[in-house]
Amino acid sequence: MSRVTVTIDRMTLHGMNAAERLALINAIRSELTRVLADPATGITAATTRHTPVMRLGPITMESGVAGARRLGIRIARGIGKGVRS
């Protein structure tokens, strides 16, 4: 079994209240765990690397906690794609 560690040092979030931030963080954490644990991702042979910035492209956010959760899922999937490439 491989071990993957992802560290996000900083995220800039403007216009989000505390509940939305928490929903976003929890969604990123759980979806990223799911994405990276999937054998189909092909990261079993991943090497150590440092990516100072990962640009995911435009991602829109719907309002409210549910919108923050969906945003977190999209961010995590973008990170998963970046790790595979």
PDB file of N, CA and C in Angstrom:
ATOM      1  N   MET A   1       0.837  -1.178   0.000  1.00  0.00           N
ATOM      2  CA  MET A   1       0.000   0.000   0.000  1.00  0.00           C
ATOM      3  C   MET A   1       0.882   1.241   0.000  1.00  0.00           C
ATOM      4  N   SER A   2       0.557   2.188  -0.844  1.00  0.00           N
ATOM      5  CA  SER A   2       1.306   3.436  -0.921  1.00  0.00           C
ATOM      6  C   SER A   2       0.698   4.480   0.001  1.00  0.00           C
ATOM      7  N   ARG A   3       1.527   5.380   0.421  1.00  0.00           N
ATOM      8  CA  ARG A   3       1.055   6.474   1.254  1.00  0.00           C
ATOM      9  C   ARG A   3       1.196   7.765   0.469  1.00  0.00           C
ATOM     10  N   VAL A   4       0.124   8.520   0.408  1.00  0.00           N
ATOM     11  CA  VAL A   4       0.121   9.792  -0.299  1.00  0.00           C
ATOM     12  C   VAL A   4      -0.183  10.877   0.714  1.00  0.00           C
ATOM     13  N   THR A   5       0.646  11.900   0.737  1.00  0.00           N
ATOM     14  CA  THR A   5       0.419  13.032   1.618  1.00  0.00           C
ATOM     15  C   THR A   5       0.231  14.273   0.757  1.00  0.00           C
ATOM     16  N   VAL A   6      -0.867  14.940   0.952  1.00  0.00           N
ATOM     17  CA  VAL A   6      -1.144  16.189   0.245  1.00  0.00           C
ATOM     18  C   VAL A   6      -1.217  17.277   1.298  1.00  0.00           C
ATOM     19  N   THR A   7      -0.420  18.309   1.115  1.00  0.00           N
ATOM     20  CA  THR A   7      -0.431  19.440   2.036  1.00  0.00           C
ATOM     21  C   THR A   7      -0.870  20.681   1.284  1.00  0.00           C
ATOM     22  N   ILE A   8      -1.911  21.294   1.778  1.00  0.00           N
ATOM     23  CA  ILE A   8      -2.375  22.559   1.207  1.00  0.00           C
ATOM     24  C   ILE A   8      -2.014  23.626   2.226  1.00  0.00           C
ATOM     25  N   ASP A   9      -1.026  24.428   1.893  1.00  0.00           N
ATOM     26  CA  ASP A   9      -0.548  25.432   2.828  1.00  0.00           C
ATOM     27  C   ASP A   9      -1.504  26.609   2.968  1.00  0.00           C
ATOM     28  N   ARG A  10      -2.148  26.969   1.864  1.00  0.00           N
ATOM     29  CA  ARG A  10      -2.990  28.147   1.921  1.00  0.00           C
ATOM     30  C   ARG A  10      -4.071  28.090   0.852  1.00  0.00           C
ATOM     31  N   MET A  11      -5.241  28.500   1.238  1.00  0.00           N
ATOM     32  CA  MET A  11      -6.345  28.702   0.301  1.00  0.00           C
ATOM     33  C   MET A  11      -6.911  30.081   0.607  1.00  0.00           C
ATOM     34  N   THR A  12      -7.126  30.859  -0.402  1.00  0.00           N
ATOM     35  CA  THR A  12      -7.706  32.179  -0.215  1.00  0.00           C
ATOM     36  C   THR A  12      -9.182  32.097  -0.523  1.00  0.00           C
ATOM     37  N   LEU A  13      -9.996  32.368   0.473  1.00  0.00           N
ATOM     38  CA  LEU A  13     -11.442  32.250   0.350  1.00  0.00           C
ATOM     39  C   LEU A  13     -12.080  33.586   0.707  1.00  0.00           C
ATOM     40  N   HIS A  14     -12.603  34.258  -0.271  1.00  0.00           N
ATOM     41  CA  HIS A  14     -13.259  35.540  -0.038  1.00  0.00           C
ATOM     42  C   HIS A  14     -14.767  35.352  -0.040  1.00  0.00           C
ATOM     43  N   GLY A  15     -15.444  36.002   0.884  1.00  0.00           N
ATOM     44  CA  GLY A  15     -16.902  36.009   0.882  1.00  0.00           C
ATOM     45  C   GLY A  15     -17.555  34.746   1.403  1.00  0.00           C
ATOM     46  N   MET A  16     -16.828  33.942   2.160  1.00  0.00           N
ATOM     47  CA  MET A  16     -17.412  32.716   2.722  1.00  0.00           C
ATOM     48  C   MET A  16     -17.560  32.880   4.227  1.00  0.00           C
ATOM     49  N   ASN A  17     -18.686  32.446   4.747  1.00  0.00           N
ATOM     50  CA  ASN A  17     -18.848  32.470   6.194  1.00  0.00           C
ATOM     51  C   ASN A  17     -18.238  31.200   6.786  1.00  0.00           C
ATOM     52  N   ALA A  18     -18.235  31.113   8.104  1.00  0.00           N
ATOM     53  CA  ALA A  18     -17.572  29.995   8.791  1.00  0.00           C
ATOM     54  C   ALA A  18     -18.173  28.641   8.416  1.00  0.00           C
ATOM     55  N   ALA A  19     -19.491  28.553   8.308  1.00  0.00           N
ATOM     56  CA  ALA A  19     -20.141  27.278   7.971  1.00  0.00           C
ATOM     57  C   ALA A  19     -19.768  26.843   6.551  1.00  0.00           C
ATOM     58  N   GLU A  20     -19.691  27.786   5.632  1.00  0.00           N
ATOM     59  CA  GLU A  20     -19.311  27.456   4.253  1.00  0.00           C
ATOM     60  C   GLU A  20     -17.858  27.020   4.189  1.00  0.00           C
ATOM     61  N   ARG A  21     -16.981  27.699   4.930  1.00  0.00           N
ATOM     62  CA  ARG A  21     -15.564  27.297   4.954  1.00  0.00           C
ATOM     63  C   ARG A  21     -15.405  25.878   5.486  1.00  0.00           C
ATOM     64  N   LEU A  22     -16.101  25.572   6.561  1.00  0.00           N
ATOM     65  CA  LEU A  22     -16.028  24.237   7.143  1.00  0.00           C
ATOM     66  C   LEU A  22     -16.544  23.183   6.168  1.00  0.00           C
ATOM     67  N   ALA A  23     -17.667  23.471   5.500  1.00  0.00           N
ATOM     68  CA  ALA A  23     -18.222  22.542   4.510  1.00  0.00           C
ATOM     69  C   ALA A  23     -17.240  22.331   3.362  1.00  0.00           C
ATOM     70  N   LEU A  24     -16.596  23.392   2.917  1.00  0.00           N
ATOM     71  CA  LEU A  24     -15.622  23.311   1.830  1.00  0.00           C
ATOM     72  C   LEU A  24     -14.432  22.447   2.242  1.00  0.00           C
ATOM     73  N   ILE A  25     -13.883  22.708   3.405  1.00  0.00           N
ATOM     74  CA  ILE A  25     -12.717  21.958   3.883  1.00  0.00           C
ATOM     75  C   ILE A  25     -13.053  20.482   4.051  1.00  0.00           C
ATOM     76  N   ASN A  26     -14.183  20.184   4.651  1.00  0.00           N
ATOM     77  CA  ASN A  26     -14.581  18.781   4.844  1.00  0.00           C
ATOM     78  C   ASN A  26     -14.816  18.077   3.512  1.00  0.00           C
ATOM     79  N   ALA A  27     -15.400  18.774   2.559  1.00  0.00           N
ATOM     80  CA  ALA A  27     -15.642  18.176   1.240  1.00  0.00           C
ATOM     81  C   ALA A  27     -14.325  17.896   0.522  1.00  0.00           C
ATOM     82  N   ILE A  28     -13.394  18.834   0.594  1.00  0.00           N
ATOM     83  CA  ILE A  28     -12.086  18.610  -0.033  1.00  0.00           C
ATOM     84  C   ILE A  28     -11.419  17.395   0.600  1.00  0.00           C
ATOM     85  N   ARG A  29     -11.416  17.347   1.905  1.00  0.00           N
ATOM     86  CA  ARG A  29     -10.751  16.251   2.622  1.00  0.00           C
ATOM     87  C   ARG A  29     -11.349  14.895   2.245  1.00  0.00           C
ATOM     88  N   SER A  30     -12.671  14.785   2.303  1.00  0.00           N
ATOM     89  CA  SER A  30     -13.295  13.479   2.047  1.00  0.00           C
ATOM     90  C   SER A  30     -13.206  13.078   0.576  1.00  0.00           C
ATOM     91  N   GLU A  31     -13.406  14.024  -0.332  1.00  0.00           N
ATOM     92  CA  GLU A  31     -13.338  13.681  -1.763  1.00  0.00           C
ATOM     93  C   GLU A  31     -11.910  13.382  -2.188  1.00  0.00           C
ATOM     94  N   LEU A  32     -10.961  14.116  -1.665  1.00  0.00           N
ATOM     95  CA  LEU A  32      -9.568  13.854  -2.007  1.00  0.00           C
ATOM     96  C   LEU A  32      -9.132  12.481  -1.499  1.00  0.00           C
ATOM     97  N   THR A  33      -9.580  12.116  -0.326  1.00  0.00           N
ATOM     98  CA  THR A  33      -9.304  10.773   0.198  1.00  0.00           C
ATOM     99  C   THR A  33      -9.886   9.721  -0.731  1.00  0.00           C
ATOM    100  N   ARG A  34     -11.127   9.924  -1.170  1.00  0.00           N
ATOM    101  CA  ARG A  34     -11.777   8.977  -2.073  1.00  0.00           C
ATOM    102  C   ARG A  34     -11.048   8.896  -3.410  1.00  0.00           C
ATOM    103  N   VAL A  35     -10.733  10.050  -3.986  1.00  0.00           N
ATOM    104  CA  VAL A  35     -10.087  10.093  -5.307  1.00  0.00           C
ATOM    105  C   VAL A  35      -8.711   9.439  -5.261  1.00  0.00           C
ATOM    106  N   LEU A  36      -7.930   9.744  -4.242  1.00  0.00           N
ATOM    107  CA  LEU A  36      -6.569   9.203  -4.178  1.00  0.00           C
ATOM    108  C   LEU A  36      -6.533   7.738  -3.784  1.00  0.00           C
ATOM    109  N   ALA A  37      -7.571   7.245  -3.132  1.00  0.00           N
ATOM    110  CA  ALA A  37      -7.628   5.834  -2.751  1.00  0.00           C
ATOM    111  C   ALA A  37      -8.097   4.939  -3.889  1.00  0.00           C
ATOM    112  N   ASP A  38      -8.671   5.522  -4.920  1.00  0.00           N
ATOM    113  CA  ASP A  38      -9.199   4.761  -6.054  1.00  0.00           C
ATOM    114  C   ASP A  38      -8.044   4.193  -6.873  1.00  0.00           C
ATOM    115  N   PRO A  39      -7.964   2.864  -7.036  1.00  0.00           N
ATOM    116  CA  PRO A  39      -6.878   2.270  -7.826  1.00  0.00           C
ATOM    117  C   PRO A  39      -6.860   2.758  -9.281  1.00  0.00           C
ATOM    118  N   ALA A  40      -7.973   3.203  -9.770  1.00  0.00           N
ATOM    119  CA  ALA A  40      -8.042   3.683 -11.154  1.00  0.00           C
ATOM    120  C   ALA A  40      -7.260   4.980 -11.360  1.00  0.00           C
ATOM    121  N   THR A  41      -6.897   5.665 -10.274  1.00  0.00           N
ATOM    122  CA  THR A  41      -6.147   6.909 -10.423  1.00  0.00           C
ATOM    123  C   THR A  41      -4.734   6.674 -10.899  1.00  0.00           C
ATOM    124  N   GLY A  42      -4.213   5.466 -10.680  1.00  0.00           N
ATOM    125  CA  GLY A  42      -2.886   5.140 -11.179  1.00  0.00           C
ATOM    126  C   GLY A  42      -1.757   5.820 -10.427  1.00  0.00           C
ATOM    127  N   ILE A  43      -1.961   6.170  -9.178  1.00  0.00           N
ATOM    128  CA  ILE A  43      -0.895   6.842  -8.447  1.00  0.00           C
ATOM    129  C   ILE A  43      -0.109   5.885  -7.560  1.00  0.00           C
ATOM    130  N   THR A  44      -0.249   4.581  -7.792  1.00  0.00           N
ATOM    131  CA  THR A  44       0.504   3.618  -6.985  1.00  0.00           C
ATOM    132  C   THR A  44       2.003   3.759  -7.232  1.00  0.00           C
ATOM    133  N   ALA A  45       2.386   4.259  -8.393  1.00  0.00           N
ATOM    134  CA  ALA A  45       3.803   4.440  -8.703  1.00  0.00           C
ATOM    135  C   ALA A  45       4.197   5.910  -8.652  1.00  0.00           C
ATOM    136  N   ALA A  46       3.456   6.696  -7.928  1.00  0.00           N
ATOM    137  CA  ALA A  46       3.750   8.123  -7.851  1.00  0.00           C
ATOM    138  C   ALA A  46       5.100   8.351  -7.175  1.00  0.00           C
ATOM    139  N   THR A  47       5.771   9.376  -7.609  1.00  0.00           N
ATOM    140  CA  THR A  47       7.039   9.737  -7.004  1.00  0.00           C
ATOM    141  C   THR A  47       6.853  11.004  -6.178  1.00  0.00           C
ATOM    142  N   THR A  48       7.794  11.240  -5.312  1.00  0.00           N
ATOM    143  CA  THR A  48       7.741  12.440  -4.496  1.00  0.00           C
ATOM    144  C   THR A  48       7.974  13.651  -5.391  1.00  0.00           C
ATOM    145  N   ARG A  49       7.127  14.638  -5.210  1.00  0.00           N
ATOM    146  CA  ARG A  49       7.329  15.872  -5.959  1.00  0.00           C
ATOM    147  C   ARG A  49       6.678  17.013  -5.204  1.00  0.00           C
ATOM    148  N   HIS A  50       7.112  18.188  -5.553  1.00  0.00           N
ATOM    149  CA  HIS A  50       6.611  19.388  -4.914  1.00  0.00           C
ATOM    150  C   HIS A  50       5.982  20.258  -5.997  1.00  0.00           C
ATOM    151  N   THR A  51       4.742  20.600  -5.821  1.00  0.00           N
ATOM    152  CA  THR A  51       4.043  21.452  -6.781  1.00  0.00           C
ATOM    153  C   THR A  51       3.700  22.744  -6.056  1.00  0.00           C
ATOM    154  N   PRO A  52       4.449  23.821  -6.316  1.00  0.00           N
ATOM    155  CA  PRO A  52       4.222  25.049  -5.567  1.00  0.00           C
ATOM    156  C   PRO A  52       2.836  25.656  -5.785  1.00  0.00           C
ATOM    157  N   VAL A  53       2.331  25.547  -6.998  1.00  0.00           N
ATOM    158  CA  VAL A  53       1.005  26.089  -7.308  1.00  0.00           C
ATOM    159  C   VAL A  53       0.319  25.125  -8.256  1.00  0.00           C
ATOM    160  N   MET A  54      -0.918  24.836  -7.988  1.00  0.00           N
ATOM    161  CA  MET A  54      -1.705  23.997  -8.882  1.00  0.00           C
ATOM    162  C   MET A  54      -2.891  24.839  -9.352  1.00  0.00           C
ATOM    163  N   ARG A  55      -2.916  25.135 -10.611  1.00  0.00           N
ATOM    164  CA  ARG A  55      -4.002  25.934 -11.173  1.00  0.00           C
ATOM    165  C   ARG A  55      -5.082  25.000 -11.705  1.00  0.00           C
ATOM    166  N   LEU A  56      -6.267  25.144 -11.155  1.00  0.00           N
ATOM    167  CA  LEU A  56      -7.365  24.255 -11.517  1.00  0.00           C
ATOM    168  C   LEU A  56      -8.275  24.844 -12.570  1.00  0.00           C
ATOM    169  N   GLY A  57      -8.072  26.092 -12.931  1.00  0.00           N
ATOM    170  CA  GLY A  57      -8.957  26.744 -13.886  1.00  0.00           C
ATOM    171  C   GLY A  57     -10.173  27.302 -13.162  1.00  0.00           C
ATOM    172  N   PRO A  58     -11.062  27.916 -13.906  1.00  0.00           N
ATOM    173  CA  PRO A  58     -12.227  28.536 -13.263  1.00  0.00           C
ATOM    174  C   PRO A  58     -13.189  27.496 -12.693  1.00  0.00           C
ATOM    175  N   ILE A  59     -13.568  27.711 -11.456  1.00  0.00           N
ATOM    176  CA  ILE A  59     -14.550  26.869 -10.787  1.00  0.00           C
ATOM    177  C   ILE A  59     -15.543  27.811 -10.125  1.00  0.00           C
ATOM    178  N   THR A  60     -16.791  27.691 -10.460  1.00  0.00           N
ATOM    179  CA  THR A  60     -17.791  28.576  -9.873  1.00  0.00           C
ATOM    180  C   THR A  60     -18.355  27.981  -8.590  1.00  0.00           C
ATOM    181  N   MET A  61     -18.804  28.862  -7.717  1.00  0.00           N
ATOM    182  CA  MET A  61     -19.394  28.421  -6.454  1.00  0.00           C
ATOM    183  C   MET A  61     -20.827  28.896  -6.366  1.00  0.00           C
ATOM    184  N   GLU A  62     -21.678  27.952  -6.057  1.00  0.00           N
ATOM    185  CA  GLU A  62     -23.069  28.291  -5.785  1.00  0.00           C
ATOM    186  C   GLU A  62     -23.137  28.748  -4.334  1.00  0.00           C
ATOM    187  N   SER A  63     -24.165  29.469  -3.996  1.00  0.00           N
ATOM    188  CA  SER A  63     -24.257  30.014  -2.644  1.00  0.00           C
ATOM    189  C   SER A  63     -24.630  28.938  -1.622  1.00  0.00           C
ATOM    190  N   GLY A  64     -24.299  29.220  -0.386  1.00  0.00           N
ATOM    191  CA  GLY A  64     -24.690  28.366   0.725  1.00  0.00           C
ATOM    192  C   GLY A  64     -23.730  27.232   1.003  1.00  0.00           C
ATOM    193  N   VAL A  65     -24.055  26.485   2.036  1.00  0.00           N
ATOM    194  CA  VAL A  65     -23.226  25.366   2.475  1.00  0.00           C
ATOM    195  C   VAL A  65     -23.178  24.270   1.407  1.00  0.00           C
ATOM    196  N   ALA A  66     -24.314  23.999   0.775  1.00  0.00           N
ATOM    197  CA  ALA A  66     -24.336  22.968  -0.279  1.00  0.00           C
ATOM    198  C   ALA A  66     -23.437  23.368  -1.448  1.00  0.00           C
ATOM    199  N   GLY A  67     -23.438  24.639  -1.790  1.00  0.00           N
ATOM    200  CA  GLY A  67     -22.565  25.131  -2.852  1.00  0.00           C
ATOM    201  C   GLY A  67     -21.099  24.992  -2.468  1.00  0.00           C
ATOM    202  N   ALA A  68     -20.790  25.255  -1.200  1.00  0.00           N
ATOM    203  CA  ALA A  68     -19.412  25.106  -0.723  1.00  0.00           C
ATOM    204  C   ALA A  68     -18.980  23.640  -0.791  1.00  0.00           C
ATOM    205  N   ARG A  69     -19.887  22.718  -0.457  1.00  0.00           N
ATOM    206  CA  ARG A  69     -19.562  21.282  -0.555  1.00  0.00           C
ATOM    207  C   ARG A  69     -19.261  20.898  -2.003  1.00  0.00           C
ATOM    208  N   ARG A  70     -20.109  21.337  -2.916  1.00  0.00           N
ATOM    209  CA  ARG A  70     -19.879  21.016  -4.336  1.00  0.00           C
ATOM    210  C   ARG A  70     -18.564  21.615  -4.828  1.00  0.00           C
ATOM    211  N   LEU A  71     -18.252  22.816  -4.379  1.00  0.00           N
ATOM    212  CA  LEU A  71     -16.984  23.445  -4.741  1.00  0.00           C
ATOM    213  C   LEU A  71     -15.818  22.614  -4.211  1.00  0.00           C
ATOM    214  N   GLY A  72     -15.907  22.149  -2.967  1.00  0.00           N
ATOM    215  CA  GLY A  72     -14.854  21.322  -2.390  1.00  0.00           C
ATOM    216  C   GLY A  72     -14.626  20.045  -3.171  1.00  0.00           C
ATOM    217  N   ILE A  73     -15.696  19.430  -3.625  1.00  0.00           N
ATOM    218  CA  ILE A  73     -15.589  18.215  -4.435  1.00  0.00           C
ATOM    219  C   ILE A  73     -14.890  18.514  -5.747  1.00  0.00           C
ATOM    220  N   ARG A  74     -15.245  19.616  -6.390  1.00  0.00           N
ATOM    221  CA  ARG A  74     -14.602  19.985  -7.662  1.00  0.00           C
ATOM    222  C   ARG A  74     -13.112  20.270  -7.464  1.00  0.00           C
ATOM    223  N   ILE A  75     -12.779  20.964  -6.384  1.00  0.00           N
ATOM    224  CA  ILE A  75     -11.371  21.255  -6.099  1.00  0.00           C
ATOM    225  C   ILE A  75     -10.597  19.955  -5.885  1.00  0.00           C
ATOM    226  N   ALA A  76     -11.142  19.051  -5.082  1.00  0.00           N
ATOM    227  CA  ALA A  76     -10.465  17.778  -4.806  1.00  0.00           C
ATOM    228  C   ALA A  76     -10.262  16.971  -6.081  1.00  0.00           C
ATOM    229  N   ARG A  77     -11.238  16.937  -6.937  1.00  0.00           N
ATOM    230  CA  ARG A  77     -11.096  16.198  -8.201  1.00  0.00           C
ATOM    231  C   ARG A  77     -10.034  16.836  -9.081  1.00  0.00           C
ATOM    232  N   GLY A  78      -9.955  18.169  -9.069  1.00  0.00           N
ATOM    233  CA  GLY A  78      -8.904  18.855  -9.827  1.00  0.00           C
ATOM    234  C   GLY A  78      -7.527  18.530  -9.290  1.00  0.00           C
ATOM    235  N   ILE A  79      -7.399  18.469  -7.977  1.00  0.00           N
ATOM    236  CA  ILE A  79      -6.117  18.092  -7.364  1.00  0.00           C
ATOM    237  C   ILE A  79      -5.774  16.655  -7.737  1.00  0.00           C
ATOM    238  N   GLY A  80      -6.765  15.781  -7.703  1.00  0.00           N
ATOM    239  CA  GLY A  80      -6.525  14.382  -8.087  1.00  0.00           C
ATOM    240  C   GLY A  80      -6.029  14.258  -9.514  1.00  0.00           C
ATOM    241  N   LYS A  81      -6.599  15.030 -10.405  1.00  0.00           N
ATOM    242  CA  LYS A  81      -6.116  15.020 -11.803  1.00  0.00           C
ATOM    243  C   LYS A  81      -4.701  15.543 -11.890  1.00  0.00           C
ATOM    244  N   GLY A  82      -4.399  16.576 -11.103  1.00  0.00           N
ATOM    245  CA  GLY A  82      -3.047  17.140 -11.111  1.00  0.00           C
ATOM    246  C   GLY A  82      -2.011  16.168 -10.585  1.00  0.00           C
ATOM    247  N   VAL A  83      -2.368  15.373  -9.605  1.00  0.00           N
ATOM    248  CA  VAL A  83      -1.445  14.381  -9.039  1.00  0.00           C
ATOM    249  C   VAL A  83      -1.172  13.283 -10.050  1.00  0.00           C
ATOM    250  N   ARG A  84      -2.160  12.914 -10.821  1.00  0.00           N
ATOM    251  CA  ARG A  84      -1.991  11.841 -11.815  1.00  0.00           C
ATOM    252  C   ARG A  84      -1.138  12.264 -12.990  1.00  0.00           C
ATOM    253  N   SER A  85      -1.142  13.544 -13.309  1.00  0.00           N
ATOM    254  CA  SER A  85      -0.419  13.984 -14.520  1.00  0.00           C
ATOM    255  C   SER A  85       1.056  14.141 -14.305  1.00  0.00           C
TER     256      SER A  85
END
